[in-house]
Amino acid sequence: MLILVFGLSKTAMFRRIVINKGNSLIEKCALAVFFGLSGIVGTYMGVSVGDGFANTRAVNVIVAGLVGGKIAGLGAGVIAGVHQSYIDNFSAVGSSIATILEGLLAGVVGNHIGHGKDKWACALAVGIILEALHMILLLLTNWPIDQGLLFLSHIALPMLVINPLGIIALIAILEGVFREQEIVEGSAARLVLQIASNTITHLRKGLNRDSAEKTAQIIFDRVPDLAGVAVTNRTEVLAFTGKEAELHYPDSITRNIQQSLETGESVLAQTHREIGFISPDSPIGSKIVAPLKDKDEVIGTIVIFKLEERSISPFEIELVNGLAQLISTQLEVSKSEHQSALLAHAEIKALQAQINPHFLFNALNTIRYYCRKQPETARELLVHLGKYYRDNIVAHDGLVDLATEIKHIRDYVVIETARFQDKLQVIYRVPDECNCLIPPLLLQPIVENAIRHGLYPKREGGTVTITGQLGDDRIIITIEDDGVGMKQEQISEVLKPDPARNNIGLSNVYSRLKSLYGDECGFLIESEITKGTRVTITLPVEGETKDVKDSYC
């Protein structure tokens, strides 16, 4: 049995089911049937002891539960247990009940443990405990009691020792599948990041023929043993790199590409028949197609080819899927960058020129990290990143309401919080009655300065509090942090525009306020070393101001 499982662990289908822990019902049923039948084989490979058998049936059932969870464990237990009930011997009923319970209980444990270096210890403990339960059930279901005790005296020790060891051996083989997969994923991830660092400059222009050709060439040059690489949009092949004269690659969208565009999933074709090329002379034997997405919309695909049939390896599958995911992220960011470049207001452009480079770089690195670890979190961060840049490019005719500015800050803070996790907390104390019109990008640069220069230098991080208070004819907005603070002489310096200094956000805000409101606005910075910094902005909400007229509430 160990030899059979070891051989199956080298097959693609078995590896996929084990790695996914039988995510679909069909895969769970497949695990249940395989290990259930293996349990039946274990029954017949047992040793006769009096009127019963000492066997390894439970090994396969328990492993099914540990690997595939409750459905796989219970299914395997039912298959092997029901079969056991039809065997006419002294222990048939007790063994049948015990087998089903062992599969179910092992499945409950399997749903709560992952794979790792200590799983063998858990498997050993589960094996011993469940086999002990097996012995107790045999004693309770077999009478007379003296005959049951005699039977257990013969089989208890062998089954309590050999079966848990067999469970460890099977788990060790299956854990090898996980370790090999981790190695493949790690190698693919490193190569994906190397390729992405080279493609990002080209993909800033979006998905077009020029960027597609350069991206395909980079992938072809960096990934060994490929016959070709193609990049498509939804209607045509934008670029193909490889021995085109030999490959006879069509310019139109093929069946596999169309399937990926329609489903939004990767498509693997490992034979000439599965590929279904237009040209019967094409020597391409296998290929994989991975979709490129803008949010939930499929906008194109990446395709890699190899000459031999069934030659696309797990490494190349992980590589292409990782590249498609990261390139999709780059395209989404490039779209946001392009839109932000359309800002018409010159002062806002100047502010964005300072904010975007470091923020985009950090946001992209954060999303790259979550793409593999927590894809759902990465998707949510992309949504916030998209909202952040969309808010930047919307034409506001010079003013936005305070609620919109707060939403803009929230999108920014979500990305920064994902990057620094529990080091950052932002508290919003802005009542609804404070929803007045204010200049766009007024508060976000101040919040960013508080986070970057006030909190992040502190090892433990800290809190930013945003407070709004409405008076008779003005609104007072306060942004306060409990960060490292700054010296008094630094306060006047940060308000002076200086191209050589990175923190021009505060000076931009200050100059725009003075330009719009003149002396009717207030901009006060208070700070104390180790205590934090407070920025207070006071704006009129009634009457005329320079270039800003009438009421803003």
Protein backbone atom coordinates (compact mmCIF):
# COMPACT_ATOMS: atom_id res chain seq x y z
CA MET A 1 0.00 0.00 0.00
CA LEU A 2 2.82 2.41 0.81
CA ILE A 3 4.35 1.70 -2.59
CA LEU A 4 0.99 2.35 -4.31
CA VAL A 5 0.46 5.67 -2.51
CA PHE A 6 4.05 6.70 -3.23
CA GLY A 7 3.53 6.00 -6.92
CA LEU A 8 0.24 7.90 -7.00
CA SER A 9 1.87 10.85 -5.24
CA LYS A 10 3.89 11.42 -8.40
CA THR A 11 0.81 11.77 -10.62
CA ALA A 12 -0.59 15.21 -11.41
CA MET A 13 -4.23 14.42 -10.59
CA PHE A 14 -3.51 12.81 -7.21
CA ARG A 15 -1.12 15.64 -6.29
CA ARG A 16 -3.71 18.27 -7.19
CA ILE A 17 -6.41 16.60 -5.08
CA VAL A 18 -4.08 16.18 -2.09
CA ILE A 19 -2.71 19.74 -2.30
CA ASN A 20 -6.22 21.19 -2.55
CA LYS A 21 -7.36 18.85 0.26
CA GLY A 22 -10.24 17.86 -2.01
CA ASN A 23 -11.75 21.32 -2.39
CA SER A 24 -14.58 20.16 -4.63
CA LEU A 25 -17.15 17.51 -3.74
CA ILE A 26 -15.92 15.33 -6.60
CA GLU A 27 -12.35 15.47 -5.28
CA LYS A 28 -13.51 14.64 -1.74
CA CYS A 29 -15.46 11.68 -3.08
CA ALA A 30 -12.41 10.56 -5.07
CA LEU A 31 -10.30 10.58 -1.89
CA ALA A 32 -13.05 8.71 -0.02
CA VAL A 33 -13.31 6.00 -2.69
CA PHE A 34 -9.55 5.57 -3.01
CA PHE A 35 -8.84 5.31 0.70
CA GLY A 36 -12.04 3.31 1.31
CA LEU A 37 -10.98 0.69 -1.24
CA SER A 38 -7.48 0.79 0.21
CA GLY A 39 -9.08 0.06 3.59
CA ILE A 40 -10.79 -2.98 2.13
CA VAL A 41 -7.44 -4.18 0.82
CA GLY A 42 -6.01 -3.60 4.30
CA THR A 43 -8.77 -5.82 5.73
CA TYR A 44 -7.71 -8.76 3.58
CA MET A 45 -4.05 -8.18 4.33
CA GLY A 46 -4.73 -8.69 8.06
CA VAL A 47 -3.61 -11.55 10.24
CA SER A 48 -6.20 -14.02 11.58
CA VAL A 49 -6.47 -13.98 15.37
CA GLY A 50 -9.00 -16.49 16.70
CA ASP A 51 -12.34 -15.56 15.13
CA GLY A 52 -11.18 -12.10 14.12
CA PHE A 53 -8.50 -10.20 12.19
CA ALA A 54 -5.73 -7.81 13.16
CA ASN A 55 -5.41 -5.60 10.08
CA THR A 56 -4.38 -2.19 8.71
CA ARG A 57 -7.82 -1.12 7.45
CA ALA A 58 -7.97 1.82 9.86
CA VAL A 59 -4.68 3.26 8.53
CA ASN A 60 -6.22 4.22 5.19
CA VAL A 61 -9.47 5.49 6.68
CA ILE A 62 -7.71 7.73 9.23
CA VAL A 63 -5.33 9.10 6.59
CA ALA A 64 -8.33 9.91 4.37
CA GLY A 65 -9.78 12.03 7.17
CA LEU A 66 -6.50 13.74 8.03
CA VAL A 67 -5.83 14.62 4.39
CA GLY A 68 -9.29 15.25 2.97
CA GLY A 69 -11.40 16.29 5.97
CA LYS A 70 -14.75 15.04 7.25
CA ILE A 71 -16.37 14.10 3.95
CA ALA A 72 -13.37 12.11 2.72
CA GLY A 73 -12.81 10.47 6.13
CA LEU A 74 -16.46 9.55 6.66
CA GLY A 75 -16.81 8.31 3.08
CA ALA A 76 -13.75 6.09 3.34
CA GLY A 77 -14.93 4.84 6.74
CA VAL A 78 -18.38 3.95 5.39
CA ILE A 79 -16.93 2.09 2.40
CA ALA A 80 -14.43 0.08 4.42
CA GLY A 81 -16.73 -0.27 7.44
CA VAL A 82 -19.79 -1.50 5.53
CA HIS A 83 -17.59 -4.04 3.77
CA GLN A 84 -16.27 -5.17 7.15
CA SER A 85 -19.82 -5.71 8.45
CA TYR A 86 -20.42 -8.38 5.82
CA ILE A 87 -17.42 -10.41 6.94
CA ASP A 88 -18.62 -13.20 9.18
CA ASN A 89 -16.26 -13.12 12.09
CA PHE A 90 -16.16 -12.39 15.82
CA SER A 91 -15.22 -8.68 15.49
CA ALA A 92 -17.24 -7.69 12.39
CA VAL A 93 -19.84 -5.40 14.01
CA GLY A 94 -17.46 -3.62 16.39
CA SER A 95 -14.83 -3.13 13.70
CA SER A 96 -17.41 -1.78 11.25
CA ILE A 97 -18.67 0.84 13.73
CA ALA A 98 -15.11 1.71 14.79
CA THR A 99 -13.97 2.17 11.18
CA ILE A 100 -16.75 4.67 10.41
CA LEU A 101 -16.11 6.61 13.62
CA GLU A 102 -12.35 6.66 13.00
CA GLY A 103 -12.87 8.17 9.54
CA LEU A 104 -15.28 10.83 10.84
CA LEU A 105 -13.18 11.82 13.86
CA ALA A 106 -9.97 11.90 11.81
CA GLY A 107 -11.80 14.17 9.35
CA VAL A 108 -12.78 16.56 12.14
CA VAL A 109 -9.11 16.75 13.17
CA GLY A 110 -8.00 17.06 9.54
CA ASN A 111 -10.21 20.10 9.00
CA HIS A 112 -8.39 21.92 11.80
CA ILE A 113 -4.75 21.13 11.02
CA GLY A 114 -2.57 22.12 8.13
CA HIS A 115 0.49 20.46 6.74
CA GLY A 116 3.90 21.01 8.23
CA LYS A 117 6.87 19.55 10.01
CA ASP A 118 4.85 18.60 13.12
CA LYS A 119 1.95 16.89 11.38
CA TRP A 120 3.52 13.45 11.89
CA ALA A 121 3.25 13.93 15.66
CA CYS A 122 -0.42 14.83 15.34
CA ALA A 123 -0.96 11.81 13.05
CA LEU A 124 0.71 9.54 15.60
CA ALA A 125 -1.45 10.87 18.43
CA VAL A 126 -4.64 10.59 16.37
CA GLY A 127 -3.72 7.05 15.32
CA ILE A 128 -3.09 5.87 18.88
CA ILE A 129 -6.24 7.52 20.29
CA LEU A 130 -8.54 6.26 17.52
CA GLU A 131 -7.12 2.75 17.63
CA ALA A 132 -7.62 2.75 21.40
CA LEU A 133 -11.24 3.76 20.74
CA HIS A 134 -11.39 0.87 18.27
CA MET A 135 -10.27 -1.55 20.99
CA ILE A 136 -12.90 -0.21 23.42
CA LEU A 137 -15.69 -0.63 20.85
CA LEU A 138 -14.56 -4.17 20.14
CA LEU A 139 -14.76 -4.95 23.83
CA LEU A 140 -18.22 -3.37 24.17
CA THR A 141 -19.71 -5.11 21.12
CA ASN A 142 -18.27 -8.60 21.54
CA TRP A 143 -19.67 -11.04 24.11
CA PRO A 144 -18.98 -12.95 26.20
CA ILE A 145 -16.60 -10.51 27.85
CA ASP A 146 -13.92 -13.09 28.54
CA GLN A 147 -13.75 -13.99 24.86
CA GLY A 148 -13.51 -10.30 23.97
CA LEU A 149 -10.69 -9.76 26.43
CA LEU A 150 -8.84 -12.77 25.04
CA PHE A 151 -9.24 -11.46 21.52
CA LEU A 152 -7.99 -8.00 22.45
CA SER A 153 -5.00 -9.47 24.28
CA HIS A 154 -3.83 -10.86 20.95
CA ILE A 155 -4.48 -7.85 18.64
CA ALA A 156 -4.34 -4.74 20.84
CA LEU A 157 -0.58 -4.27 21.02
CA PRO A 158 0.14 -4.96 17.31
CA MET A 159 -2.67 -2.66 16.14
CA LEU A 160 -1.84 0.11 18.63
CA VAL A 161 1.77 0.09 17.42
CA ILE A 162 1.75 -0.91 13.75
CA ASN A 163 -1.29 1.08 12.59
CA PRO A 164 -0.14 4.47 14.00
CA LEU A 165 3.27 3.86 12.44
CA GLY A 166 1.56 3.09 9.13
CA ILE A 167 -0.40 6.34 9.43
CA ILE A 168 2.85 8.25 9.97
CA ALA A 169 4.40 6.58 6.91
CA LEU A 170 1.46 7.53 4.66
CA ILE A 171 1.32 11.08 6.05
CA ALA A 172 5.07 11.41 5.43
CA ILE A 173 4.57 10.45 1.78
CA LEU A 174 1.71 12.92 1.37
CA GLU A 175 3.61 15.65 3.21
CA GLY A 176 6.34 15.17 0.63
CA VAL A 177 3.78 16.30 -1.96
CA PHE A 178 3.23 19.53 0.00
CA ARG A 179 6.97 20.14 0.43
CA GLU A 180 7.62 19.66 -3.27
CA GLN A 181 4.74 22.02 -4.06
CA GLU A 182 6.16 24.65 -1.70
CA ILE A 183 9.53 24.39 -3.44
CA VAL A 184 7.84 24.79 -6.82
CA GLU A 185 5.80 27.77 -5.61
CA GLY A 186 8.85 29.40 -4.03
CA SER A 187 10.94 29.05 -7.20
CA ALA A 188 8.09 30.28 -9.35
CA ALA A 189 7.44 33.25 -7.04
CA ARG A 190 11.07 34.35 -7.18
CA LEU A 191 11.10 34.19 -10.97
CA VAL A 192 7.73 35.97 -11.17
CA LEU A 193 9.07 38.89 -9.13
CA GLN A 194 12.23 39.07 -11.25
CA ILE A 195 10.18 39.17 -14.45
CA ALA A 196 7.68 41.65 -12.99
CA SER A 197 10.47 44.04 -12.00
CA ASN A 198 11.45 44.16 -15.70
CA THR A 199 7.94 44.44 -17.15
CA ILE A 200 6.60 47.17 -14.88
CA THR A 201 8.17 50.03 -16.83
CA HIS A 202 6.61 48.78 -20.09
CA LEU A 203 3.18 48.01 -18.64
CA ARG A 204 2.81 51.55 -17.31
CA LYS A 205 1.58 52.31 -20.83
CA GLY A 206 -1.23 49.76 -20.48
CA LEU A 207 -1.85 46.64 -22.55
CA ASN A 208 -0.98 47.45 -26.15
CA ARG A 209 1.17 45.94 -28.89
CA ASP A 210 4.36 47.61 -27.75
CA SER A 211 4.02 46.65 -24.06
CA ALA A 212 2.79 43.16 -25.00
CA GLU A 213 5.79 42.54 -27.29
CA LYS A 214 8.28 43.64 -24.64
CA THR A 215 6.53 41.61 -21.93
CA ALA A 216 6.42 38.47 -24.06
CA GLN A 217 10.11 38.84 -24.92
CA ILE A 218 11.08 39.28 -21.26
CA ILE A 219 9.15 36.14 -20.25
CA PHE A 220 10.62 34.14 -23.15
CA ASP A 221 14.16 35.21 -22.28
CA ARG A 222 13.84 34.53 -18.54
CA VAL A 223 11.95 31.22 -18.51
CA PRO A 224 14.00 28.27 -19.82
CA ASP A 225 12.85 25.64 -22.33
CA LEU A 226 9.85 27.51 -23.74
CA ALA A 227 8.90 27.24 -27.40
CA GLY A 228 7.02 30.51 -27.38
CA VAL A 229 5.10 33.17 -25.44
CA ALA A 230 2.01 35.08 -26.56
CA VAL A 231 0.06 37.99 -25.09
CA THR A 232 -3.49 38.74 -26.24
CA ASN A 233 -6.31 41.14 -25.56
CA ARG A 234 -9.92 40.02 -25.89
CA THR A 235 -9.98 40.12 -29.70
CA GLU A 236 -6.49 39.53 -31.09
CA VAL A 237 -2.96 38.33 -30.45
CA LEU A 238 -0.94 41.42 -29.56
CA ALA A 239 2.46 39.76 -29.42
CA PHE A 240 4.13 36.42 -30.06
CA THR A 241 7.74 35.59 -29.25
CA GLY A 242 9.32 32.33 -30.36
CA LYS A 243 10.24 30.48 -33.53
CA GLU A 244 7.21 31.75 -35.36
CA ALA A 245 8.11 30.16 -38.70
CA GLU A 246 8.25 26.71 -37.08
CA LEU A 247 5.39 27.12 -34.64
CA HIS A 248 2.82 28.36 -37.20
CA TYR A 249 1.08 30.34 -34.50
CA PRO A 250 -2.23 31.89 -35.66
CA ASP A 251 -2.96 35.59 -35.33
CA SER A 252 -6.54 34.96 -34.20
CA ILE A 253 -7.88 33.93 -30.79
CA THR A 254 -7.75 30.13 -30.45
CA ARG A 255 -10.21 27.85 -28.67
CA ASN A 256 -8.15 27.60 -25.45
CA ILE A 257 -7.66 31.36 -25.26
CA GLN A 258 -11.37 31.97 -25.84
CA GLN A 259 -12.18 29.53 -23.05
CA SER A 260 -9.89 31.41 -20.64
CA LEU A 261 -11.39 34.76 -21.69
CA GLU A 262 -14.92 33.48 -21.06
CA THR A 263 -14.31 31.66 -17.77
CA GLY A 264 -11.60 33.86 -16.24
CA GLU A 265 -9.67 30.69 -15.35
CA SER A 266 -6.40 29.20 -16.52
CA VAL A 267 -6.64 26.59 -19.27
CA LEU A 268 -4.06 23.80 -19.57
CA ALA A 269 -3.76 21.89 -22.86
CA GLN A 270 -1.21 19.09 -22.72
CA THR A 271 -1.80 17.40 -26.13
CA HIS A 272 -2.18 18.38 -29.80
CA ARG A 273 -5.84 17.41 -29.64
CA GLU A 274 -6.53 19.55 -26.57
CA ILE A 275 -4.79 22.53 -28.22
CA GLY A 276 -6.85 22.25 -31.41
CA PHE A 277 -4.64 24.54 -33.51
CA ILE A 278 -5.90 25.99 -36.77
CA SER A 279 -2.71 24.84 -38.50
CA PRO A 280 -2.33 21.04 -38.52
CA ASP A 281 1.41 21.46 -39.12
CA SER A 282 2.10 23.20 -35.81
CA PRO A 283 4.63 21.27 -33.71
CA ILE A 284 3.40 22.76 -30.40
CA GLY A 285 2.59 19.92 -28.03
CA SER A 286 1.32 21.70 -24.90
CA LYS A 287 0.41 25.14 -23.64
CA ILE A 288 -1.16 26.96 -20.73
CA VAL A 289 -3.33 30.08 -20.94
CA ALA A 290 -3.75 32.40 -17.93
CA PRO A 291 -6.19 35.35 -17.89
CA LEU A 292 -5.24 39.01 -17.36
CA LYS A 293 -7.85 40.90 -15.37
CA ASP A 294 -8.88 44.45 -14.62
CA LYS A 295 -10.73 43.92 -11.35
CA ASP A 296 -13.23 41.15 -12.25
CA GLU A 297 -13.13 41.78 -16.00
CA VAL A 298 -10.87 39.62 -18.18
CA ILE A 299 -8.98 41.91 -20.57
CA GLY A 300 -6.48 39.50 -22.13
CA THR A 301 -4.30 36.43 -21.63
CA ILE A 302 -0.71 35.22 -21.32
CA VAL A 303 0.10 31.99 -23.15
CA ILE A 304 3.24 29.85 -22.96
CA PHE A 305 4.03 26.97 -25.33
CA LYS A 306 6.25 23.90 -25.33
CA LEU A 307 7.00 21.51 -28.16
CA GLU A 308 6.50 18.21 -26.35
CA GLU A 309 3.12 16.90 -25.29
CA ARG A 310 2.44 16.82 -21.51
CA SER A 311 5.54 18.91 -20.88
CA ILE A 312 3.98 21.83 -18.96
CA SER A 313 5.33 21.25 -15.44
CA PRO A 314 3.81 22.29 -12.08
CA PHE A 315 6.54 24.95 -11.90
CA GLU A 316 5.41 26.49 -15.20
CA ILE A 317 1.76 26.35 -14.15
CA GLU A 318 2.55 28.24 -10.93
CA LEU A 319 4.77 30.63 -12.86
CA VAL A 320 2.19 31.58 -15.49
CA ASN A 321 -0.62 31.96 -12.96
CA GLY A 322 1.61 34.11 -10.75
CA LEU A 323 2.71 36.24 -13.69
CA ALA A 324 -0.86 36.73 -14.86
CA GLN A 325 -1.91 37.83 -11.39
CA LEU A 326 0.99 40.23 -10.92
CA ILE A 327 0.81 41.66 -14.43
CA SER A 328 -2.92 42.22 -13.89
CA THR A 329 -1.98 44.18 -10.78
CA GLN A 330 0.58 46.20 -12.76
CA LEU A 331 -1.98 46.97 -15.47
CA GLU A 332 -4.51 48.06 -12.88
CA VAL A 333 -1.98 50.33 -11.23
CA SER A 334 -0.87 51.68 -14.61
CA LYS A 335 -4.48 52.50 -15.41
CA SER A 336 -4.77 54.39 -12.15
CA GLU A 337 -1.48 56.16 -12.85
CA HIS A 338 -2.68 57.17 -16.30
CA GLN A 339 -5.95 58.49 -14.92
CA SER A 340 -4.20 60.41 -12.17
CA ALA A 341 -2.02 62.04 -14.83
CA LEU A 342 -5.15 63.64 -16.25
CA LEU A 343 -5.56 65.93 -13.24
CA ALA A 344 -6.06 69.44 -14.52
CA HIS A 345 -5.27 71.45 -11.44
CA ALA A 346 -1.57 72.33 -11.48
CA GLU A 347 -1.16 72.44 -7.70
CA ILE A 348 -2.84 69.07 -7.26
CA LYS A 349 -0.54 67.69 -9.97
CA ALA A 350 2.45 68.93 -8.01
CA LEU A 351 1.18 67.27 -4.87
CA GLN A 352 0.49 64.00 -6.67
CA ALA A 353 3.96 64.06 -8.22
CA GLN A 354 5.28 63.91 -4.65
CA ILE A 355 2.75 61.40 -3.30
CA ASN A 356 2.46 58.86 -6.11
CA PRO A 357 5.98 57.44 -6.53
CA HIS A 358 6.59 56.21 -3.01
CA PHE A 359 2.94 55.35 -2.35
CA LEU A 360 2.55 53.35 -5.57
CA PHE A 361 5.82 51.52 -4.95
CA ASN A 362 4.82 50.58 -1.41
CA ALA A 363 1.25 49.69 -2.38
CA LEU A 364 2.45 47.46 -5.23
CA ASN A 365 4.90 45.66 -2.98
CA THR A 366 2.15 45.13 -0.39
CA ILE A 367 -0.26 43.75 -2.99
CA ARG A 368 2.47 41.49 -4.38
CA TYR A 369 2.93 40.00 -0.92
CA TYR A 370 -0.78 39.36 -0.41
CA CYS A 371 -1.30 37.91 -3.91
CA ARG A 372 0.22 34.59 -2.83
CA LYS A 373 -0.56 34.62 0.87
CA GLN A 374 -4.08 36.06 0.92
CA PRO A 375 -5.49 36.57 -2.61
CA GLU A 376 -8.82 37.89 -1.29
CA THR A 377 -7.01 40.56 0.73
CA ALA A 378 -4.97 41.47 -2.38
CA ARG A 379 -8.21 41.89 -4.35
CA GLU A 380 -9.68 44.16 -1.67
CA LEU A 381 -6.49 46.26 -1.61
CA LEU A 382 -6.73 46.67 -5.39
CA VAL A 383 -10.30 47.92 -4.98
CA HIS A 384 -9.16 50.53 -2.44
CA LEU A 385 -6.19 51.47 -4.63
CA GLY A 386 -8.54 51.95 -7.59
CA LYS A 387 -10.89 54.10 -5.50
CA TYR A 388 -7.95 56.13 -4.23
CA TYR A 389 -6.82 57.07 -7.74
CA ARG A 390 -10.32 57.50 -9.12
CA ASP A 391 -11.00 60.04 -6.39
CA ASN A 392 -7.82 61.83 -7.41
CA ILE A 393 -8.85 62.25 -11.02
CA VAL A 394 -12.54 63.18 -10.65
CA ALA A 395 -13.16 66.75 -11.72
CA HIS A 396 -14.28 68.58 -8.57
CA ASP A 397 -14.40 72.14 -9.93
CA GLY A 398 -12.04 73.13 -7.15
CA LEU A 399 -13.99 71.74 -4.14
CA VAL A 400 -15.11 68.43 -2.64
CA ASP A 401 -17.29 67.67 0.33
CA LEU A 402 -15.56 66.61 3.55
CA ALA A 403 -17.17 63.14 3.45
CA THR A 404 -15.52 62.47 0.06
CA GLU A 405 -12.14 63.56 1.42
CA ILE A 406 -12.59 61.22 4.43
CA LYS A 407 -13.43 58.32 2.09
CA HIS A 408 -10.28 59.14 0.15
CA ILE A 409 -8.27 59.00 3.38
CA ARG A 410 -9.87 55.67 4.31
CA ASP A 411 -8.77 54.09 1.01
CA TYR A 412 -5.23 55.32 1.62
CA VAL A 413 -5.23 54.12 5.24
CA VAL A 414 -6.50 50.62 4.33
CA ILE A 415 -3.46 50.09 2.10
CA GLU A 416 -1.03 51.48 4.67
CA THR A 417 -2.63 49.38 7.43
CA ALA A 418 -2.20 46.23 5.32
CA ARG A 419 1.45 47.13 4.94
CA PHE A 420 2.18 47.84 8.62
CA GLN A 421 -0.70 45.85 10.17
CA ASP A 422 -1.15 46.47 13.91
CA LYS A 423 1.34 49.38 14.04
CA LEU A 424 -1.25 51.81 12.68
CA GLN A 425 -4.66 52.94 13.95
CA VAL A 426 -6.72 55.82 12.56
CA ILE A 427 -9.71 57.22 14.48
CA TYR A 428 -12.36 59.31 12.69
CA ARG A 429 -14.38 61.79 14.79
CA VAL A 430 -16.11 63.82 12.10
CA PRO A 431 -19.87 64.24 12.68
CA ASP A 432 -22.26 64.44 9.73
CA GLU A 433 -22.96 68.13 10.28
CA CYS A 434 -19.35 68.90 9.37
CA ASN A 435 -19.85 67.83 5.75
CA CYS A 436 -18.80 71.13 4.18
CA LEU A 437 -17.01 71.78 0.89
CA ILE A 438 -13.23 71.94 1.13
CA PRO A 439 -10.33 71.97 -1.37
CA PRO A 440 -9.49 68.47 -2.70
CA LEU A 441 -6.46 66.64 -1.31
CA LEU A 442 -6.48 68.92 1.71
CA LEU A 443 -6.32 66.35 4.53
CA GLN A 444 -4.75 63.25 2.96
CA PRO A 445 -1.22 64.75 2.70
CA ILE A 446 -1.40 65.73 6.38
CA VAL A 447 -2.51 62.23 7.37
CA GLU A 448 0.27 60.77 5.24
CA ASN A 449 2.87 63.00 6.91
CA ALA A 450 1.55 62.00 10.34
CA ILE A 451 1.86 58.31 9.44
CA ARG A 452 5.19 58.44 7.61
CA HIS A 453 7.09 60.89 9.78
CA GLY A 454 5.23 60.66 13.08
CA LEU A 455 4.25 57.01 13.63
CA TYR A 456 6.46 54.78 11.52
CA PRO A 457 9.70 55.86 13.21
CA LYS A 458 8.18 54.51 16.44
CA ARG A 459 8.73 50.78 16.83
CA GLU A 460 5.27 50.27 18.34
CA GLY A 461 3.53 52.56 15.82
CA GLY A 462 0.64 54.69 17.06
CA THR A 463 -2.66 56.41 16.38
CA VAL A 464 -3.85 59.24 14.11
CA THR A 465 -7.08 60.99 15.17
CA ILE A 466 -9.08 63.09 12.70
CA THR A 467 -11.58 65.42 14.36
CA GLY A 468 -14.14 67.80 12.86
CA GLN A 469 -15.97 70.56 14.72
CA LEU A 470 -18.48 73.00 13.22
CA GLY A 471 -18.74 76.53 14.67
CA ASP A 472 -21.07 79.41 13.81
CA ASP A 473 -19.25 80.48 10.67
CA ARG A 474 -16.28 78.15 10.35
CA ILE A 475 -15.20 74.53 10.54
CA ILE A 476 -12.22 73.34 12.57
CA ILE A 477 -10.46 70.16 11.42
CA THR A 478 -7.74 68.64 13.58
CA ILE A 479 -5.32 65.85 12.64
CA GLU A 480 -3.37 64.63 15.63
CA ASP A 481 -0.84 61.81 16.06
CA ASP A 482 0.98 60.40 19.09
CA GLY A 483 4.19 59.90 17.16
CA VAL A 484 7.76 61.04 17.61
CA GLY A 485 6.99 64.75 17.23
CA MET A 486 9.43 67.42 16.04
CA LYS A 487 11.35 70.40 17.32
CA GLN A 488 9.84 73.88 17.20
CA GLU A 489 12.38 75.10 14.66
CA GLN A 490 11.32 72.36 12.26
CA ILE A 491 7.70 73.54 12.14
CA SER A 492 8.36 76.68 10.14
CA GLU A 493 10.71 74.77 7.84
CA VAL A 494 8.14 72.17 6.78
CA LEU A 495 5.86 74.92 5.45
CA LYS A 496 8.55 76.26 3.11
CA PRO A 497 8.53 74.78 -0.41
CA ASP A 498 11.84 73.01 -1.04
CA PRO A 499 12.34 70.77 -4.13
CA ALA A 500 15.23 69.04 -2.38
CA ARG A 501 12.96 67.86 0.43
CA ASN A 502 10.51 64.95 0.06
CA ASN A 503 7.80 66.21 2.44
CA ILE A 504 6.33 68.97 0.28
CA GLY A 505 2.77 67.85 1.10
CA LEU A 506 2.32 70.24 4.03
CA SER A 507 3.74 73.20 2.16
CA ASN A 508 1.43 72.47 -0.78
CA VAL A 509 -1.61 72.34 1.49
CA TYR A 510 -0.59 75.54 3.26
CA SER A 511 0.01 77.48 0.04
CA ARG A 512 -3.29 76.36 -1.50
CA LEU A 513 -5.22 77.38 1.61
CA LYS A 514 -3.62 80.83 1.60
CA SER A 515 -4.32 81.17 -2.11
CA LEU A 516 -8.00 80.25 -1.73
CA TYR A 517 -8.93 81.84 1.60
CA GLY A 518 -6.26 84.41 2.37
CA ASP A 519 -6.18 85.44 6.04
CA GLU A 520 -9.61 83.96 6.72
CA CYS A 521 -8.16 80.48 7.10
CA GLY A 522 -6.05 79.12 9.91
CA PHE A 523 -3.23 76.57 9.69
CA LEU A 524 -1.56 75.74 13.00
CA ILE A 525 1.07 73.09 13.71
CA GLU A 526 1.81 72.13 17.32
CA SER A 527 4.37 69.49 18.17
CA GLU A 528 6.41 68.11 21.04
CA ILE A 529 9.25 65.61 20.87
CA THR A 530 8.09 62.06 21.88
CA LYS A 531 4.53 63.36 22.40
CA GLY A 532 3.29 63.85 18.86
CA THR A 533 2.03 66.50 16.46
CA ARG A 534 -1.30 68.25 15.97
CA VAL A 535 -2.32 70.14 12.81
CA THR A 536 -5.38 72.38 13.09
CA ILE A 537 -7.10 73.82 10.02
CA THR A 538 -9.77 76.49 10.35
CA LEU A 539 -11.92 77.32 7.30
CA PRO A 540 -14.81 79.76 6.77
CA VAL A 541 -18.15 78.22 5.85
CA GLU A 542 -20.07 81.41 5.08
CA GLY A 543 -19.29 84.60 3.17
CA GLU A 544 -16.88 85.24 0.30
CA THR A 545 -13.25 84.23 0.10
CA LYS A 546 -10.67 84.76 -2.55
CA ASP A 547 -11.77 82.64 -5.59
CA VAL A 548 -14.25 80.79 -3.39
CA LYS A 549 -17.71 82.31 -3.00
CA ASP A 550 -20.76 81.86 -0.83
CA SER A 551 -21.62 79.04 1.55
CA TYR A 552 -19.87 75.70 1.56
CA CYS A 553 -22.23 73.84 3.91
